[in-house]
N, C-alpha and C. Protein backbone atom coordinates (compact mmCIF):
# COMPACT_ATOMS: atom_id res chain seq x y z
N ALA A 1 -8.23 7.10 16.10
CA ALA A 1 -8.35 8.53 15.90
C ALA A 1 -7.56 8.90 14.65
N PHE A 2 -8.14 9.76 13.85
CA PHE A 2 -7.52 10.16 12.60
C PHE A 2 -7.55 11.68 12.50
N TYR A 3 -6.44 12.24 12.10
CA TYR A 3 -6.34 13.67 11.87
C TYR A 3 -5.64 13.88 10.54
N ALA A 4 -6.23 14.64 9.65
CA ALA A 4 -5.57 14.94 8.37
C ALA A 4 -5.49 16.45 8.21
N ARG A 5 -4.42 16.88 7.59
CA ARG A 5 -4.26 18.30 7.28
C ARG A 5 -5.34 18.70 6.29
N ASP A 6 -5.56 19.99 6.16
CA ASP A 6 -6.56 20.50 5.23
C ASP A 6 -6.09 20.47 3.79
N PHE A 7 -4.87 19.97 3.58
CA PHE A 7 -4.33 19.91 2.23
C PHE A 7 -3.64 18.57 2.06
N VAL A 8 -3.40 18.23 0.83
CA VAL A 8 -2.64 17.03 0.53
C VAL A 8 -1.44 17.39 -0.31
N ASP A 9 -1.55 18.42 -1.09
CA ASP A 9 -0.46 18.83 -1.97
C ASP A 9 0.79 19.08 -1.14
N THR A 10 1.84 18.33 -1.40
CA THR A 10 3.05 18.45 -0.58
C THR A 10 4.01 19.51 -1.12
N THR A 11 3.63 20.20 -2.17
CA THR A 11 4.48 21.30 -2.63
C THR A 11 3.98 22.62 -2.06
N SER A 12 2.67 22.70 -1.82
CA SER A 12 2.13 23.89 -1.17
C SER A 12 0.80 23.55 -0.53
N GLY A 13 0.51 24.21 0.56
CA GLY A 13 -0.75 23.98 1.26
C GLY A 13 -1.83 24.86 0.66
N ILE A 14 -2.96 24.94 1.32
CA ILE A 14 -4.06 25.77 0.86
C ILE A 14 -3.61 27.23 0.76
N SER A 15 -2.78 27.62 1.72
CA SER A 15 -2.29 28.99 1.72
C SER A 15 -1.24 29.23 0.64
N GLY A 16 -0.74 28.16 0.03
CA GLY A 16 0.30 28.29 -0.98
C GLY A 16 1.69 28.26 -0.39
N ALA A 17 1.79 28.14 0.93
CA ALA A 17 3.11 28.10 1.57
C ALA A 17 3.76 26.75 1.34
N PRO A 18 5.07 26.72 1.09
CA PRO A 18 5.76 25.45 0.88
C PRO A 18 5.66 24.56 2.12
N ILE A 19 5.67 23.26 1.88
CA ILE A 19 5.57 22.28 2.95
C ILE A 19 6.85 21.46 2.97
N SER A 20 7.42 21.28 4.15
CA SER A 20 8.66 20.51 4.24
C SER A 20 8.34 19.02 4.20
N ALA A 21 9.32 18.23 3.77
CA ALA A 21 9.15 16.77 3.67
C ALA A 21 8.85 16.15 5.03
N ALA A 22 9.33 16.77 6.10
CA ALA A 22 9.13 16.21 7.44
C ALA A 22 7.76 16.56 8.02
N GLU A 23 7.06 17.49 7.41
CA GLU A 23 5.77 17.90 7.94
C GLU A 23 4.77 16.75 7.88
N VAL A 24 3.88 16.72 8.83
CA VAL A 24 2.89 15.65 8.96
C VAL A 24 1.63 16.04 8.18
N VAL A 25 1.17 15.12 7.30
CA VAL A 25 -0.06 15.38 6.54
C VAL A 25 -1.25 14.67 7.14
N ALA A 26 -1.00 13.65 7.98
CA ALA A 26 -2.09 12.95 8.66
C ALA A 26 -1.52 12.20 9.86
N THR A 27 -2.38 11.99 10.85
CA THR A 27 -2.01 11.19 12.01
C THR A 27 -3.11 10.17 12.23
N VAL A 28 -2.71 8.90 12.34
CA VAL A 28 -3.67 7.81 12.51
C VAL A 28 -3.25 7.02 13.74
N GLU A 29 -4.11 6.98 14.74
CA GLU A 29 -3.80 6.23 15.97
C GLU A 29 -2.42 6.58 16.51
N GLY A 30 -2.10 7.86 16.48
CA GLY A 30 -0.82 8.32 17.02
C GLY A 30 0.36 8.15 16.08
N GLN A 31 0.15 7.57 14.90
CA GLN A 31 1.22 7.38 13.93
C GLN A 31 1.11 8.44 12.84
N ASP A 32 2.22 9.12 12.56
CA ASP A 32 2.22 10.20 11.58
C ASP A 32 2.48 9.68 10.17
N ILE A 33 1.86 10.34 9.22
CA ILE A 33 2.17 10.14 7.80
C ILE A 33 2.82 11.43 7.35
N SER A 34 4.08 11.35 6.99
CA SER A 34 4.84 12.56 6.63
C SER A 34 4.56 12.96 5.19
N ALA A 35 4.87 14.21 4.91
CA ALA A 35 4.75 14.71 3.55
C ALA A 35 5.69 13.94 2.63
N ALA A 36 6.87 13.54 3.13
CA ALA A 36 7.82 12.77 2.32
C ALA A 36 7.24 11.41 1.95
N ASP A 37 6.62 10.71 2.91
CA ASP A 37 6.01 9.41 2.63
C ASP A 37 4.87 9.56 1.63
N PHE A 38 4.06 10.60 1.84
CA PHE A 38 2.96 10.85 0.90
C PHE A 38 3.51 11.14 -0.49
N GLN A 39 4.51 12.01 -0.58
CA GLN A 39 5.06 12.39 -1.89
C GLN A 39 5.63 11.19 -2.62
N ARG A 40 6.29 10.30 -1.88
CA ARG A 40 6.85 9.09 -2.48
C ARG A 40 5.73 8.22 -3.06
N ARG A 41 4.68 7.99 -2.28
CA ARG A 41 3.55 7.17 -2.74
C ARG A 41 2.85 7.87 -3.91
N TYR A 42 2.67 9.17 -3.80
CA TYR A 42 2.01 9.95 -4.84
C TYR A 42 2.78 9.85 -6.16
N SER A 43 4.10 10.07 -6.09
CA SER A 43 4.92 10.01 -7.31
C SER A 43 4.87 8.64 -7.95
N ASN A 44 4.96 7.59 -7.15
CA ASN A 44 4.89 6.23 -7.67
C ASN A 44 3.55 5.97 -8.33
N GLN A 45 2.47 6.42 -7.70
CA GLN A 45 1.12 6.19 -8.25
C GLN A 45 0.93 6.96 -9.56
N ILE A 46 1.36 8.21 -9.59
CA ILE A 46 1.25 9.02 -10.82
C ILE A 46 2.03 8.35 -11.95
N GLN A 47 3.25 7.92 -11.64
CA GLN A 47 4.09 7.27 -12.65
C GLN A 47 3.41 6.00 -13.17
N SER A 48 2.85 5.20 -12.28
CA SER A 48 2.17 3.96 -12.70
C SER A 48 0.97 4.25 -13.60
N ILE A 49 0.19 5.24 -13.22
CA ILE A 49 -0.98 5.59 -14.02
C ILE A 49 -0.55 6.11 -15.39
N GLN A 50 0.45 6.96 -15.42
CA GLN A 50 0.91 7.51 -16.69
C GLN A 50 1.50 6.43 -17.58
N GLN A 51 2.20 5.46 -17.00
CA GLN A 51 2.73 4.35 -17.81
C GLN A 51 1.60 3.51 -18.36
N ALA A 52 0.57 3.28 -17.56
CA ALA A 52 -0.55 2.45 -17.99
C ALA A 52 -1.37 3.13 -19.08
N TYR A 53 -1.51 4.46 -19.01
CA TYR A 53 -2.37 5.17 -19.96
C TYR A 53 -1.61 6.07 -20.92
N GLY A 54 -0.31 6.02 -20.89
CA GLY A 54 0.49 6.82 -21.80
C GLY A 54 0.41 8.29 -21.48
N GLY A 55 0.77 9.09 -22.45
CA GLY A 55 0.80 10.55 -22.27
C GLY A 55 -0.56 11.19 -22.23
N ASN A 56 -1.61 10.40 -22.33
CA ASN A 56 -2.97 10.96 -22.36
C ASN A 56 -3.42 11.47 -20.99
N VAL A 57 -2.74 11.07 -19.94
CA VAL A 57 -3.13 11.45 -18.59
C VAL A 57 -2.04 12.31 -17.98
N THR A 58 -2.40 13.54 -17.65
CA THR A 58 -1.43 14.43 -17.03
C THR A 58 -1.63 14.45 -15.53
N GLU A 59 -0.62 14.92 -14.82
CA GLU A 59 -0.72 15.01 -13.37
C GLU A 59 -1.84 15.97 -12.97
N SER A 60 -2.00 17.06 -13.71
CA SER A 60 -3.06 18.02 -13.35
C SER A 60 -4.44 17.39 -13.54
N MET A 61 -4.61 16.54 -14.55
CA MET A 61 -5.89 15.84 -14.74
C MET A 61 -6.16 14.94 -13.54
N LEU A 62 -5.12 14.23 -13.09
CA LEU A 62 -5.28 13.33 -11.96
C LEU A 62 -5.59 14.10 -10.68
N ARG A 63 -5.00 15.26 -10.51
CA ARG A 63 -5.31 16.09 -9.34
C ARG A 63 -6.77 16.53 -9.38
N GLN A 64 -7.26 16.89 -10.56
CA GLN A 64 -8.66 17.29 -10.68
C GLN A 64 -9.59 16.15 -10.31
N LEU A 65 -9.15 14.92 -10.56
CA LEU A 65 -9.95 13.75 -10.21
C LEU A 65 -9.79 13.36 -8.73
N GLY A 66 -8.93 14.09 -8.02
CA GLY A 66 -8.76 13.84 -6.59
C GLY A 66 -7.84 12.68 -6.26
N ILE A 67 -6.91 12.37 -7.15
CA ILE A 67 -6.01 11.25 -6.90
C ILE A 67 -5.19 11.48 -5.64
N ASP A 68 -4.84 12.73 -5.35
CA ASP A 68 -4.06 13.01 -4.15
C ASP A 68 -4.85 12.63 -2.89
N ARG A 69 -6.10 12.95 -2.85
CA ARG A 69 -6.93 12.61 -1.69
C ARG A 69 -7.15 11.09 -1.60
N GLN A 70 -7.29 10.44 -2.75
CA GLN A 70 -7.44 8.98 -2.76
C GLN A 70 -6.19 8.30 -2.21
N ILE A 71 -5.04 8.79 -2.60
CA ILE A 71 -3.79 8.20 -2.13
C ILE A 71 -3.64 8.41 -0.63
N LEU A 72 -3.95 9.61 -0.15
CA LEU A 72 -3.89 9.86 1.29
C LEU A 72 -4.85 8.93 2.02
N GLN A 73 -6.06 8.75 1.49
CA GLN A 73 -7.02 7.85 2.15
C GLN A 73 -6.49 6.42 2.20
N GLN A 74 -5.84 5.98 1.11
CA GLN A 74 -5.23 4.65 1.11
C GLN A 74 -4.18 4.53 2.20
N MET A 75 -3.37 5.57 2.34
CA MET A 75 -2.31 5.56 3.36
C MET A 75 -2.91 5.54 4.77
N VAL A 76 -3.98 6.29 4.97
CA VAL A 76 -4.66 6.31 6.27
C VAL A 76 -5.25 4.93 6.56
N ASP A 77 -5.92 4.34 5.58
CA ASP A 77 -6.50 3.01 5.75
C ASP A 77 -5.43 1.98 6.07
N GLU A 78 -4.30 2.06 5.36
CA GLU A 78 -3.20 1.13 5.59
C GLU A 78 -2.65 1.28 7.01
N GLN A 79 -2.47 2.52 7.46
CA GLN A 79 -1.93 2.74 8.81
C GLN A 79 -2.91 2.23 9.86
N ALA A 80 -4.20 2.44 9.65
CA ALA A 80 -5.20 1.94 10.59
C ALA A 80 -5.16 0.41 10.63
N ALA A 81 -5.02 -0.22 9.48
CA ALA A 81 -4.93 -1.69 9.42
C ALA A 81 -3.68 -2.18 10.11
N LEU A 82 -2.56 -1.50 9.91
CA LEU A 82 -1.31 -1.91 10.57
C LEU A 82 -1.42 -1.78 12.09
N THR A 83 -2.07 -0.73 12.55
CA THR A 83 -2.27 -0.55 13.98
C THR A 83 -3.11 -1.70 14.54
N GLU A 84 -4.16 -2.07 13.82
CA GLU A 84 -5.00 -3.19 14.27
C GLU A 84 -4.25 -4.50 14.21
N ALA A 85 -3.44 -4.70 13.19
CA ALA A 85 -2.64 -5.93 13.08
C ALA A 85 -1.69 -6.05 14.28
N GLU A 86 -1.11 -4.94 14.67
CA GLU A 86 -0.23 -4.95 15.84
C GLU A 86 -1.01 -5.29 17.10
N ARG A 87 -2.23 -4.76 17.24
CA ARG A 87 -3.08 -5.09 18.38
C ARG A 87 -3.40 -6.59 18.42
N GLN A 88 -3.53 -7.17 17.23
CA GLN A 88 -3.85 -8.59 17.11
C GLN A 88 -2.59 -9.46 17.21
N HIS A 89 -1.44 -8.82 17.39
CA HIS A 89 -0.14 -9.50 17.49
C HIS A 89 0.20 -10.29 16.22
N LEU A 90 -0.20 -9.76 15.08
CA LEU A 90 0.15 -10.38 13.80
C LEU A 90 1.54 -9.89 13.41
N GLU A 91 2.33 -10.78 12.85
CA GLU A 91 3.68 -10.44 12.42
C GLU A 91 3.98 -11.09 11.08
N VAL A 92 4.95 -10.52 10.39
CA VAL A 92 5.48 -11.12 9.17
C VAL A 92 6.93 -11.47 9.49
N SER A 93 7.22 -12.75 9.48
CA SER A 93 8.57 -13.20 9.81
C SER A 93 9.54 -12.88 8.68
N ASP A 94 10.82 -12.91 9.00
CA ASP A 94 11.84 -12.70 7.97
C ASP A 94 11.75 -13.77 6.89
N ASP A 95 11.43 -15.01 7.29
CA ASP A 95 11.29 -16.10 6.31
C ASP A 95 10.11 -15.85 5.37
N GLU A 96 8.99 -15.38 5.92
CA GLU A 96 7.82 -15.08 5.09
C GLU A 96 8.15 -13.96 4.10
N LEU A 97 8.86 -12.95 4.59
CA LEU A 97 9.25 -11.84 3.73
C LEU A 97 10.17 -12.33 2.60
N ALA A 98 11.15 -13.14 2.95
CA ALA A 98 12.08 -13.68 1.94
C ALA A 98 11.33 -14.50 0.91
N GLN A 99 10.40 -15.35 1.34
CA GLN A 99 9.62 -16.16 0.40
C GLN A 99 8.85 -15.27 -0.57
N GLN A 100 8.29 -14.19 -0.04
CA GLN A 100 7.53 -13.27 -0.89
C GLN A 100 8.44 -12.60 -1.92
N ILE A 101 9.61 -12.18 -1.47
CA ILE A 101 10.56 -11.53 -2.38
C ILE A 101 11.01 -12.51 -3.46
N PHE A 102 11.33 -13.72 -3.07
CA PHE A 102 11.79 -14.73 -4.03
C PHE A 102 10.71 -15.09 -5.04
N ALA A 103 9.44 -14.84 -4.71
CA ALA A 103 8.33 -15.18 -5.59
C ALA A 103 7.99 -14.07 -6.59
N ILE A 104 8.58 -12.90 -6.45
CA ILE A 104 8.28 -11.78 -7.35
C ILE A 104 8.91 -12.07 -8.71
N PRO A 105 8.09 -12.16 -9.76
CA PRO A 105 8.61 -12.51 -11.09
C PRO A 105 9.74 -11.60 -11.57
N ALA A 106 9.67 -10.31 -11.31
CA ALA A 106 10.70 -9.38 -11.76
C ALA A 106 12.05 -9.63 -11.08
N LEU A 107 12.03 -10.39 -9.99
CA LEU A 107 13.27 -10.68 -9.26
C LEU A 107 13.75 -12.10 -9.52
N GLN A 108 13.21 -12.71 -10.57
CA GLN A 108 13.60 -14.07 -10.93
C GLN A 108 14.19 -14.10 -12.34
N GLU A 109 15.08 -15.04 -12.51
CA GLU A 109 15.64 -15.31 -13.83
C GLU A 109 15.77 -16.82 -13.94
N ASN A 110 15.13 -17.38 -14.95
CA ASN A 110 15.10 -18.84 -15.11
C ASN A 110 14.56 -19.53 -13.86
N GLY A 111 13.55 -18.91 -13.24
CA GLY A 111 12.90 -19.52 -12.08
C GLY A 111 13.67 -19.40 -10.78
N ARG A 112 14.76 -18.65 -10.77
CA ARG A 112 15.57 -18.50 -9.56
C ARG A 112 15.75 -17.02 -9.24
N PHE A 113 15.94 -16.74 -7.96
CA PHE A 113 16.19 -15.38 -7.49
C PHE A 113 17.42 -14.81 -8.18
N ILE A 114 17.36 -13.55 -8.57
CA ILE A 114 18.43 -12.93 -9.35
C ILE A 114 19.69 -12.64 -8.53
N GLY A 115 19.61 -12.76 -7.25
CA GLY A 115 20.77 -12.51 -6.40
C GLY A 115 20.70 -11.16 -5.72
N GLU A 116 21.35 -11.07 -4.61
CA GLU A 116 21.30 -9.88 -3.76
C GLU A 116 21.80 -8.63 -4.48
N ARG A 117 22.91 -8.74 -5.20
CA ARG A 117 23.50 -7.58 -5.88
C ARG A 117 22.56 -7.03 -6.95
N ARG A 118 22.05 -7.90 -7.81
CA ARG A 118 21.14 -7.45 -8.88
C ARG A 118 19.81 -6.95 -8.31
N TYR A 119 19.37 -7.56 -7.23
CA TYR A 119 18.16 -7.13 -6.53
C TYR A 119 18.31 -5.68 -6.09
N GLU A 120 19.41 -5.35 -5.44
CA GLU A 120 19.66 -3.99 -4.98
C GLU A 120 19.83 -3.03 -6.15
N GLN A 121 20.48 -3.48 -7.23
CA GLN A 121 20.65 -2.64 -8.42
C GLN A 121 19.29 -2.34 -9.06
N LEU A 122 18.44 -3.33 -9.13
CA LEU A 122 17.11 -3.14 -9.71
C LEU A 122 16.31 -2.12 -8.91
N LEU A 123 16.37 -2.23 -7.60
CA LEU A 123 15.66 -1.26 -6.75
C LEU A 123 16.23 0.15 -6.93
N ALA A 124 17.53 0.25 -7.01
CA ALA A 124 18.19 1.55 -7.15
C ALA A 124 17.90 2.18 -8.51
N SER A 125 17.56 1.36 -9.51
CA SER A 125 17.29 1.88 -10.85
C SER A 125 15.85 2.38 -11.01
N GLN A 126 15.02 2.19 -10.00
CA GLN A 126 13.63 2.64 -10.06
C GLN A 126 13.60 4.17 -10.00
N TYR A 127 12.50 4.74 -10.46
CA TYR A 127 12.34 6.18 -10.34
C TYR A 127 11.12 6.47 -9.49
N PRO A 128 11.27 7.07 -8.34
CA PRO A 128 12.54 7.40 -7.70
C PRO A 128 13.22 6.13 -7.17
N PRO A 129 14.53 6.18 -6.97
CA PRO A 129 15.26 5.00 -6.47
C PRO A 129 14.70 4.52 -5.14
N VAL A 130 14.76 3.23 -4.93
CA VAL A 130 14.24 2.62 -3.71
C VAL A 130 15.37 1.83 -3.06
N THR A 131 15.53 2.02 -1.77
CA THR A 131 16.54 1.23 -1.07
C THR A 131 15.94 -0.14 -0.74
N LYS A 132 16.81 -1.09 -0.53
CA LYS A 132 16.37 -2.44 -0.15
C LYS A 132 15.56 -2.37 1.15
N ALA A 133 16.03 -1.59 2.11
CA ALA A 133 15.34 -1.47 3.40
C ALA A 133 13.93 -0.89 3.22
N ASP A 134 13.82 0.16 2.39
CA ASP A 134 12.50 0.77 2.17
C ASP A 134 11.56 -0.19 1.44
N PHE A 135 12.08 -0.89 0.43
CA PHE A 135 11.26 -1.84 -0.31
C PHE A 135 10.76 -2.95 0.61
N GLU A 136 11.64 -3.49 1.40
CA GLU A 136 11.28 -4.60 2.27
C GLU A 136 10.34 -4.14 3.38
N ARG A 137 10.53 -2.92 3.88
CA ARG A 137 9.61 -2.38 4.88
C ARG A 137 8.21 -2.22 4.29
N SER A 138 8.15 -1.71 3.07
CA SER A 138 6.86 -1.53 2.40
C SER A 138 6.19 -2.88 2.13
N LEU A 139 6.97 -3.84 1.67
CA LEU A 139 6.43 -5.17 1.39
C LEU A 139 5.95 -5.84 2.68
N ARG A 140 6.71 -5.70 3.75
CA ARG A 140 6.31 -6.27 5.04
C ARG A 140 4.99 -5.65 5.51
N ARG A 141 4.85 -4.33 5.32
CA ARG A 141 3.61 -3.65 5.71
C ARG A 141 2.43 -4.19 4.90
N SER A 142 2.63 -4.36 3.59
CA SER A 142 1.56 -4.89 2.74
C SER A 142 1.18 -6.31 3.15
N MET A 143 2.17 -7.10 3.48
CA MET A 143 1.90 -8.48 3.91
C MET A 143 1.16 -8.49 5.24
N MET A 144 1.49 -7.56 6.13
CA MET A 144 0.82 -7.47 7.42
C MET A 144 -0.65 -7.11 7.24
N VAL A 145 -0.91 -6.15 6.35
CA VAL A 145 -2.30 -5.76 6.06
C VAL A 145 -3.06 -6.96 5.49
N GLU A 146 -2.42 -7.71 4.60
CA GLU A 146 -3.06 -8.89 4.01
C GLU A 146 -3.34 -9.94 5.08
N LYS A 147 -2.43 -10.13 6.01
CA LYS A 147 -2.66 -11.07 7.11
C LYS A 147 -3.87 -10.65 7.94
N LEU A 148 -3.99 -9.35 8.19
CA LEU A 148 -5.14 -8.86 8.95
C LEU A 148 -6.43 -9.12 8.18
N ARG A 149 -6.43 -8.82 6.89
CA ARG A 149 -7.64 -9.08 6.08
C ARG A 149 -8.02 -10.55 6.13
N SER A 150 -7.03 -11.41 6.00
CA SER A 150 -7.30 -12.86 6.06
C SER A 150 -7.85 -13.25 7.41
N ALA A 151 -7.26 -12.72 8.47
CA ALA A 151 -7.71 -13.06 9.82
C ALA A 151 -9.15 -12.60 10.05
N LEU A 152 -9.51 -11.47 9.46
CA LEU A 152 -10.86 -10.94 9.65
C LEU A 152 -11.90 -11.62 8.76
N THR A 153 -11.46 -12.18 7.64
CA THR A 153 -12.44 -12.75 6.71
C THR A 153 -12.45 -14.27 6.65
N ASP A 154 -11.46 -14.94 7.21
CA ASP A 154 -11.42 -16.41 7.15
C ASP A 154 -12.67 -17.04 7.74
N TRP A 155 -13.18 -16.49 8.82
CA TRP A 155 -14.35 -17.06 9.46
C TRP A 155 -15.60 -16.91 8.60
N MET A 156 -15.53 -16.05 7.58
CA MET A 156 -16.69 -15.78 6.74
C MET A 156 -16.82 -16.77 5.59
N ALA A 157 -15.89 -17.68 5.46
CA ALA A 157 -15.94 -18.64 4.36
C ALA A 157 -17.19 -19.51 4.48
N VAL A 158 -17.88 -19.64 3.38
CA VAL A 158 -19.10 -20.45 3.33
C VAL A 158 -18.88 -21.53 2.27
N SER A 159 -19.13 -22.77 2.66
CA SER A 159 -18.93 -23.87 1.71
C SER A 159 -20.08 -23.94 0.72
N ASP A 160 -19.84 -24.62 -0.41
CA ASP A 160 -20.89 -24.82 -1.39
C ASP A 160 -22.04 -25.60 -0.79
N ALA A 161 -21.73 -26.56 0.07
CA ALA A 161 -22.78 -27.36 0.72
C ALA A 161 -23.67 -26.49 1.59
N ASP A 162 -23.08 -25.52 2.31
CA ASP A 162 -23.86 -24.61 3.14
C ASP A 162 -24.80 -23.77 2.28
N VAL A 163 -24.32 -23.31 1.13
CA VAL A 163 -25.14 -22.51 0.23
C VAL A 163 -26.30 -23.34 -0.30
N ARG A 164 -26.01 -24.58 -0.75
CA ARG A 164 -27.07 -25.45 -1.26
C ARG A 164 -28.10 -25.75 -0.17
N SER A 165 -27.63 -25.99 1.03
CA SER A 165 -28.53 -26.28 2.14
C SER A 165 -29.44 -25.09 2.42
N GLU A 166 -28.86 -23.90 2.42
CA GLU A 166 -29.65 -22.69 2.67
C GLU A 166 -30.65 -22.46 1.55
N GLU A 167 -30.25 -22.69 0.28
CA GLU A 167 -31.16 -22.54 -0.85
C GLU A 167 -32.32 -23.53 -0.72
N HIS A 168 -32.00 -24.77 -0.35
CA HIS A 168 -33.01 -25.80 -0.21
C HIS A 168 -33.99 -25.44 0.90
N THR A 169 -33.49 -24.94 2.02
CA THR A 169 -34.34 -24.55 3.14
C THR A 169 -35.24 -23.39 2.73
N SER A 170 -34.71 -22.42 1.98
CA SER A 170 -35.49 -21.28 1.53
C SER A 170 -36.61 -21.69 0.58
N GLU A 171 -36.33 -22.68 -0.27
CA GLU A 171 -37.33 -23.13 -1.24
C GLU A 171 -38.49 -23.84 -0.53
N LEU A 172 -38.22 -24.50 0.58
CA LEU A 172 -39.25 -25.23 1.30
C LEU A 172 -40.18 -24.32 2.08
N GLN A 173 -39.75 -23.12 2.37
CA GLN A 173 -40.57 -22.22 3.19
C GLN A 173 -41.56 -21.46 2.39
């Protein structure tokens, strides 16, 4: 079950009334997506797009293109996937999470992890700043969604031999 507010703008709703960070902008399978979570994702996405395309892209242009609704839809899809992953009893272990963190190029120097202190400093220097706990929670969620995708699509793998066999059978008919 999915419920979304009639607005996405976390500074004001359709009525123009201010929205608090704790207010819920969507509910997916009983899990709320807060205005604060949306705003954080929205700000990060806007910043990434502006860095990629320079000053040529303004936030108002992106709003006209519906980027706010796209981001909310991504968050809804992610929450639905996480709910399904939990139903499937999929988990990301602490070791898996650590391996993923150690593999991030920005967290390596000379092929080795930069260390806990520099890792936390790097996260804190982001705009907006990110705590280690928030970063790791987000990474764990992404890894969980990826595990679900793999679990759902692994059975769909088709070998080259299967394709050739099917092509050969089709040609004979």
